[in-house]
């Protein structure tokens, strides 16, 4: 995406108790919003607090600087607690002075944690906080052989249509089976020829932190545009009700929304902010250094469908309501 724009100066914000804003350090709104979501993910902070960095961690170590930034955010006397983290990302090819895609930075940060953390057991636990496992199953309609390909998602990509929709409809569309025939026919290893097949996705396991990426950016012939399609989403979800019936065994997987990463503007000129459900059980809107308490009704305005420059939810983070990690179906 192109240059960022900011509305921060137009707001008269009240600093919230327990939630702090972050100054915009030259187009850092994307990282600022993501840091707010990481700060609200207490499960992540607990794992980072257990990690004792080794001397081999070195400079520009992403998990180390993230750990320090999240701790520093608790100290409101520090003017820019995230500056070292921004510099660390810069030296890991997430360059400053550049507008980034929030989902891409989210993935890059978690992948760099896996690569750079000295304690690989804790690194694996952090990864498992977010990993959703899905099998892509293709069944030959001739011999009925089923070919399975496992897929791991840190955030589940949900592709949008032009028309108004819901999170539930997006998920159902992602898991619906489709017939492959003609030029799209699948090569069956048993039949040793391309045959008509049925392909669909099967949910294998769910994480403690369930992240959805609403794919609002569409590339057509080299031109990227943003879909402001209205996508409604609830505060709490039961995954058994969100996907087709064959996944009904996940009936106890109930989640509550706690972070919404919001994109405003167009594909070429945009700005990121965040809505965070804090530990005091209140919603806050955070636009860089400005923070204000809001209602659930304000969060719902990010559904979209309000025009070209409207605030639209781009990433949704839910945490399990169960005290235990959801079991594999």
Protein backbone atom coordinates (compact mmCIF):
# COMPACT_ATOMS: atom_id res chain seq x y z
CA UNK A 1 0.00 0.00 0.00
CA UNK A 2 1.02 3.59 -0.46
CA UNK A 3 1.54 6.53 1.85
CA UNK A 4 -0.35 6.62 5.15
CA UNK A 5 -2.61 9.34 6.40
CA UNK A 6 -3.59 10.05 9.99
CA UNK A 7 -6.62 11.55 11.70
CA UNK A 8 -4.93 11.66 15.11
CA UNK A 9 -4.65 15.42 15.39
CA UNK A 10 -8.39 15.87 14.86
CA UNK A 11 -9.32 13.95 18.00
CA UNK A 12 -9.51 15.18 21.55
CA UNK A 13 -8.79 11.91 23.32
CA UNK A 14 -8.84 11.06 27.01
CA UNK A 15 -6.06 8.80 28.21
CA UNK A 16 -7.54 5.53 29.43
CA UNK A 17 -6.57 3.74 32.59
CA UNK A 18 -4.64 0.54 31.79
CA UNK A 19 -4.38 1.31 28.06
CA UNK A 20 -1.76 3.60 26.57
CA UNK A 21 -1.30 5.02 23.11
CA UNK A 22 1.87 4.94 21.02
CA UNK A 23 3.26 7.89 19.11
CA UNK A 24 3.37 7.62 15.33
CA UNK A 25 7.07 7.36 14.54
CA UNK A 26 7.05 8.00 10.79
CA UNK A 27 4.32 5.76 9.31
CA UNK A 28 4.36 3.34 12.27
CA UNK A 29 0.54 3.15 12.59
CA UNK A 30 0.48 -0.45 11.34
CA UNK A 31 3.00 -1.67 13.95
CA UNK A 32 1.36 0.52 16.61
CA UNK A 33 -2.01 -1.18 16.08
CA UNK A 34 -0.45 -4.65 16.11
CA UNK A 35 1.47 -3.87 19.32
CA UNK A 36 -1.84 -2.94 20.94
CA UNK A 37 -3.20 -6.38 19.99
CA UNK A 38 -0.06 -8.12 21.32
CA UNK A 39 -0.32 -6.12 24.56
CA UNK A 40 -3.93 -7.29 24.92
CA UNK A 41 -2.89 -10.92 24.37
CA UNK A 42 -2.05 -11.82 27.97
CA UNK A 43 -1.31 -15.41 26.91
CA UNK A 44 1.56 -14.13 24.74
CA UNK A 45 2.89 -11.86 27.46
CA UNK A 46 2.93 -14.72 29.96
CA UNK A 47 5.02 -16.86 27.61
CA UNK A 48 7.44 -14.00 26.89
CA UNK A 49 7.82 -13.36 30.63
CA UNK A 50 8.93 -17.00 31.09
CA UNK A 51 11.64 -16.62 28.48
CA UNK A 52 15.12 -15.86 29.77
CA UNK A 53 17.05 -14.54 26.74
CA UNK A 54 20.50 -16.00 26.26
CA UNK A 55 23.63 -14.02 25.47
CA UNK A 56 23.40 -15.48 21.97
CA UNK A 57 20.17 -13.57 21.31
CA UNK A 58 22.22 -10.77 19.80
CA UNK A 59 21.12 -7.38 18.53
CA UNK A 60 17.95 -6.70 16.57
CA UNK A 61 16.32 -9.78 18.06
CA UNK A 62 12.56 -9.53 17.42
CA UNK A 63 11.25 -11.63 20.38
CA UNK A 64 13.61 -9.81 22.78
CA UNK A 65 12.60 -6.34 21.58
CA UNK A 66 8.91 -7.31 21.57
CA UNK A 67 9.25 -8.53 25.16
CA UNK A 68 10.91 -5.23 26.14
CA UNK A 69 8.37 -3.12 24.25
CA UNK A 70 5.38 -4.79 25.88
CA UNK A 71 6.95 -4.33 29.32
CA UNK A 72 7.81 -0.71 28.55
CA UNK A 73 4.24 0.00 27.42
CA UNK A 74 3.16 -0.54 31.02
CA UNK A 75 5.34 2.42 32.08
CA UNK A 76 3.48 5.53 30.90
CA UNK A 77 6.47 7.74 31.72
CA UNK A 78 8.29 6.39 28.67
CA UNK A 79 7.49 8.57 25.67
CA UNK A 80 8.25 6.03 22.92
CA UNK A 81 8.43 2.53 24.43
CA UNK A 82 8.18 0.95 20.98
CA UNK A 83 11.01 2.79 19.22
CA UNK A 84 13.61 0.03 19.69
CA UNK A 85 11.10 -2.55 18.45
CA UNK A 86 10.49 -0.45 15.31
CA UNK A 87 14.24 -0.25 14.70
CA UNK A 88 14.55 -4.00 15.26
CA UNK A 89 11.85 -4.69 12.67
CA UNK A 90 13.60 -2.32 10.28
CA UNK A 91 16.80 -4.37 10.53
CA UNK A 92 14.73 -7.49 9.89
CA UNK A 93 13.41 -6.11 6.58
CA UNK A 94 10.17 -4.64 7.90
CA UNK A 95 11.34 -1.19 6.91
CA UNK A 96 10.43 2.07 8.55
CA UNK A 97 9.10 5.00 6.50
CA UNK A 98 7.02 2.48 4.56
CA UNK A 99 3.31 1.67 4.73
CA UNK A 100 2.87 -2.04 5.51
CA UNK A 101 0.05 -4.56 5.44
CA UNK A 102 -0.96 -5.44 9.02
CA UNK A 103 -1.53 -9.14 8.33
CA UNK A 104 1.88 -9.45 6.66
CA UNK A 105 3.66 -7.76 9.59
CA UNK A 106 1.69 -9.96 12.01
CA UNK A 107 2.93 -13.10 10.20
CA UNK A 108 6.49 -11.79 9.86
CA UNK A 109 6.71 -10.97 13.58
CA UNK A 110 5.48 -14.40 14.70
CA UNK A 111 7.76 -16.16 12.21
CA UNK A 112 10.77 -14.15 13.38
CA UNK A 113 9.96 -15.14 16.96
CA UNK A 114 10.21 -18.79 15.88
CA UNK A 115 13.50 -18.15 14.13
CA UNK A 116 15.24 -15.95 16.69
CA UNK A 117 14.05 -17.11 20.11
CA UNK A 118 16.73 -19.05 22.01
CA UNK A 119 14.19 -21.20 23.87
CA UNK A 120 12.52 -23.22 21.11
CA UNK A 121 10.01 -24.79 23.47
CA UNK A 122 8.54 -21.40 24.40
CA UNK A 123 8.77 -20.35 20.74
CA UNK A 124 6.66 -23.38 19.82
CA UNK A 125 4.12 -22.53 22.54
CA UNK A 126 3.81 -19.00 21.16
CA UNK A 127 3.25 -20.35 17.66
CA UNK A 128 0.66 -22.82 18.95
CA UNK A 129 -1.30 -19.96 20.53
CA UNK A 130 -2.32 -18.90 17.02
CA UNK A 131 -2.08 -21.98 14.77
CA UNK A 132 -5.27 -23.25 13.13
CA UNK A 133 -4.79 -26.58 11.33
CA UNK A 134 -6.87 -27.30 8.25
CA UNK A 135 -6.71 -30.23 5.83
CA UNK A 136 -7.49 -29.60 2.17
CA UNK A 137 -9.22 -32.81 1.08
CA UNK A 138 -9.66 -33.77 -2.57
CA UNK A 139 -11.74 -36.86 -3.35
CA UNK A 140 -11.61 -38.51 -6.74
CA UNK A 141 -15.15 -39.17 -7.98
CA UNK A 142 -13.90 -42.21 -9.86
CA UNK A 143 -12.06 -44.35 -7.30
CA UNK A 144 -13.10 -42.27 -4.24
CA UNK A 145 -9.48 -41.94 -3.11
CA UNK A 146 -8.98 -38.93 -0.81
CA UNK A 147 -5.83 -36.82 -1.05
CA UNK A 148 -5.11 -34.71 2.05
CA UNK A 149 -2.80 -31.70 2.26
CA UNK A 150 -2.31 -30.16 5.74
CA UNK A 151 -2.32 -26.37 6.07
CA UNK A 152 -1.34 -24.28 9.09
CA UNK A 153 -2.74 -20.75 9.48
CA UNK A 154 -1.57 -18.05 11.90
CA UNK A 155 -4.55 -16.06 10.64
CA UNK A 156 -7.41 -17.54 8.62
CA UNK A 157 -7.77 -15.70 5.31
CA UNK A 158 -11.38 -14.86 4.45
CA UNK A 159 -12.01 -13.72 0.88
CA UNK A 160 -14.83 -11.23 0.47
CA UNK A 161 -17.47 -10.79 -2.19
CA UNK A 162 -18.74 -7.44 -3.40
CA UNK A 163 -22.06 -7.87 -1.58
CA UNK A 164 -22.82 -7.39 2.12
CA UNK A 165 -21.97 -10.49 4.16
CA UNK A 166 -21.23 -11.83 7.65
CA UNK A 167 -18.25 -13.48 9.31
CA UNK A 168 -20.29 -16.69 9.45
CA UNK A 169 -20.99 -16.61 5.71
CA UNK A 170 -17.32 -15.95 4.94
CA UNK A 171 -16.29 -18.96 7.01
CA UNK A 172 -18.90 -21.23 5.48
CA UNK A 173 -17.76 -20.23 2.01
CA UNK A 174 -14.16 -21.06 2.95
CA UNK A 175 -15.11 -24.56 4.09
CA UNK A 176 -17.65 -25.42 1.40
CA UNK A 177 -16.75 -28.17 -1.06
CA UNK A 178 -16.45 -27.46 -4.76
CA UNK A 179 -16.37 -29.70 -7.80
CA UNK A 180 -13.19 -29.81 -9.87
CA UNK A 181 -13.65 -30.87 -13.47
CA UNK A 182 -12.54 -30.02 -16.99
CA UNK A 183 -9.38 -27.91 -16.96
CA UNK A 184 -9.57 -27.79 -13.14
CA UNK A 185 -9.70 -31.58 -12.74
CA UNK A 186 -7.38 -33.06 -10.08
CA UNK A 187 -4.68 -35.62 -10.89
CA UNK A 188 -5.53 -38.85 -9.04
CA UNK A 189 -2.50 -40.97 -8.17
CA UNK A 190 -4.67 -44.12 -8.16
CA UNK A 191 -6.29 -43.53 -11.54
CA UNK A 192 -3.06 -41.98 -12.91
CA UNK A 193 -5.08 -39.40 -14.80
CA UNK A 194 -6.93 -36.15 -14.13
CA UNK A 195 -10.43 -36.99 -12.93
CA UNK A 196 -13.50 -35.04 -11.74
CA UNK A 197 -13.08 -34.50 -8.01
CA UNK A 198 -14.62 -32.77 -5.02
CA UNK A 199 -12.36 -30.51 -2.96
CA UNK A 200 -13.03 -28.99 0.42
CA UNK A 201 -11.38 -28.00 3.68
CA UNK A 202 -11.68 -29.86 6.97
CA UNK A 203 -10.95 -28.22 10.30
CA UNK A 204 -8.40 -30.29 12.25
CA UNK A 205 -7.62 -28.15 15.31
CA UNK A 206 -8.33 -24.72 16.76
CA UNK A 207 -5.97 -22.46 18.74
CA UNK A 208 -6.41 -20.43 21.91
CA UNK A 209 -6.15 -17.21 19.87
CA UNK A 210 -8.24 -17.33 16.70
CA UNK A 211 -7.34 -14.67 14.13
CA UNK A 212 -9.26 -13.83 10.96
CA UNK A 213 -7.92 -11.70 8.12
CA UNK A 214 -10.66 -10.07 6.05
CA UNK A 215 -9.03 -9.94 2.61
CA UNK A 216 -10.15 -6.46 1.61
CA UNK A 217 -7.40 -5.76 -0.92
CA UNK A 218 -8.04 -7.04 -4.44
CA UNK A 219 -5.48 -6.97 -7.26
CA UNK A 220 -6.86 -6.62 -10.77
CA UNK A 221 -4.39 -6.36 -13.67
CA UNK A 222 -1.71 -4.87 -11.44
CA UNK A 223 -4.05 -2.35 -9.78
CA UNK A 224 -4.87 -2.83 -6.11
CA UNK A 225 -8.20 -1.66 -4.78
CA UNK A 226 -9.90 -1.97 -1.41
CA UNK A 227 -13.26 -3.65 -0.84
CA UNK A 228 -15.33 -1.72 1.67
CA UNK A 229 -17.88 -4.54 1.71
CA UNK A 230 -19.92 -4.69 4.91
CA UNK A 231 -18.89 -7.72 6.99
CA UNK A 232 -20.72 -8.02 10.31
CA UNK A 233 -19.17 -10.02 13.15
CA UNK A 234 -20.32 -10.87 16.70
CA UNK A 235 -18.57 -10.34 20.03
CA UNK A 236 -18.74 -14.06 20.79
CA UNK A 237 -18.74 -17.01 18.41
CA UNK A 238 -19.27 -20.74 18.58
CA UNK A 239 -17.22 -22.30 15.81
CA UNK A 240 -19.67 -25.21 15.56
CA UNK A 241 -22.28 -22.71 14.36
CA UNK A 242 -19.90 -20.84 12.04
CA UNK A 243 -18.85 -23.66 9.71
CA UNK A 244 -20.59 -26.54 7.86
CA UNK A 245 -22.20 -29.40 9.77
CA UNK A 246 -19.38 -31.91 9.20
CA UNK A 247 -17.32 -29.89 11.71
CA UNK A 248 -19.96 -30.06 14.45
CA UNK A 249 -17.50 -31.86 16.75
CA UNK A 250 -15.95 -28.46 17.64
CA UNK A 251 -19.13 -27.50 19.52
CA UNK A 252 -17.28 -26.48 22.69
CA UNK A 253 -14.99 -24.05 20.86
CA UNK A 254 -16.43 -20.73 21.95
CA UNK A 255 -14.50 -17.49 21.51
CA UNK A 256 -14.76 -13.83 22.50
CA UNK A 257 -13.51 -10.92 20.42
CA UNK A 258 -10.78 -8.87 22.10
CA UNK A 259 -8.98 -6.98 19.32
CA UNK A 260 -9.95 -5.45 15.97
CA UNK A 261 -7.27 -4.06 13.66
CA UNK A 262 -8.92 -1.36 11.56
CA UNK A 263 -7.90 0.04 8.17
CA UNK A 264 -9.10 3.45 7.02
CA UNK A 265 -8.73 4.97 3.60
CA UNK A 266 -7.87 3.34 0.27
CA UNK A 267 -5.42 0.68 -0.86
CA UNK A 268 -2.96 3.39 -1.88
CA UNK A 269 -3.37 5.72 1.11
CA UNK A 270 -4.41 4.28 4.45
CA UNK A 271 -4.13 4.37 8.22
CA UNK A 272 -4.33 1.65 10.89
CA UNK A 273 -6.00 1.91 14.29
CA UNK A 274 -7.23 -0.65 16.83
CA UNK A 275 -10.16 -1.45 19.08
CA UNK A 276 -9.05 -3.33 22.20
CA UNK A 277 -11.15 -5.08 24.86
CA UNK A 278 -9.04 -4.40 27.95
CA UNK A 279 -8.62 -6.26 31.22
CA UNK A 280 -11.10 -3.83 32.83
CA UNK A 281 -13.79 -5.33 30.55
CA UNK A 282 -14.19 -2.17 28.48
CA UNK A 283 -13.62 -1.43 24.80
CA UNK A 284 -11.06 1.24 23.84
CA UNK A 285 -10.32 2.85 20.51
CA UNK A 286 -6.60 3.52 19.99
CA UNK A 287 -5.42 5.80 17.19
CA UNK A 288 -1.65 5.99 17.66
CA UNK A 289 -1.15 8.10 20.82
CA UNK A 290 -4.85 8.86 21.32
CA UNK A 291 -7.07 6.58 23.40
CA UNK A 292 -10.78 6.77 24.18
CA UNK A 293 -13.25 4.39 25.82
CA UNK A 294 -16.01 3.29 23.42
CA UNK A 295 -19.09 1.09 23.31
CA UNK A 296 -19.59 -2.15 21.39
CA UNK A 297 -21.77 -0.09 19.07
CA UNK A 298 -18.71 1.96 18.08
CA UNK A 299 -16.78 -1.23 17.27
CA UNK A 300 -19.65 -2.36 15.06
CA UNK A 301 -19.16 0.69 12.86
CA UNK A 302 -16.07 -1.07 11.47
CA UNK A 303 -18.29 -3.58 9.66
CA UNK A 304 -17.79 -1.42 6.57
CA UNK A 305 -20.12 -0.51 3.74
CA UNK A 306 -20.09 3.19 4.65
CA UNK A 307 -18.11 4.59 1.72
CA UNK A 308 -14.68 4.76 0.18
CA UNK A 309 -12.79 6.21 3.16
CA UNK A 310 -14.65 4.42 5.96
CA UNK A 311 -13.04 2.57 8.88
CA UNK A 312 -13.20 -1.15 8.13
CA UNK A 313 -12.20 -4.14 10.24
CA UNK A 314 -9.21 -5.88 8.66
CA UNK A 315 -8.10 -8.36 11.35
CA UNK A 316 -10.24 -9.90 14.09
CA UNK A 317 -8.68 -11.60 17.12
CA UNK A 318 -10.79 -13.87 19.32
CA UNK A 319 -9.68 -15.79 22.42
CA UNK A 320 -11.22 -19.01 23.67
CA UNK A 321 -13.75 -18.71 26.47
CA UNK A 322 -12.75 -22.13 27.77
CA UNK A 323 -10.09 -22.40 30.45
CA UNK A 324 -8.50 -25.14 28.38
CA UNK A 325 -7.26 -25.10 24.80
CA UNK A 326 -9.94 -26.44 22.43
CA UNK A 327 -9.44 -30.12 21.70
CA UNK A 328 -8.84 -31.44 18.21
CA UNK A 329 -12.05 -32.58 16.48
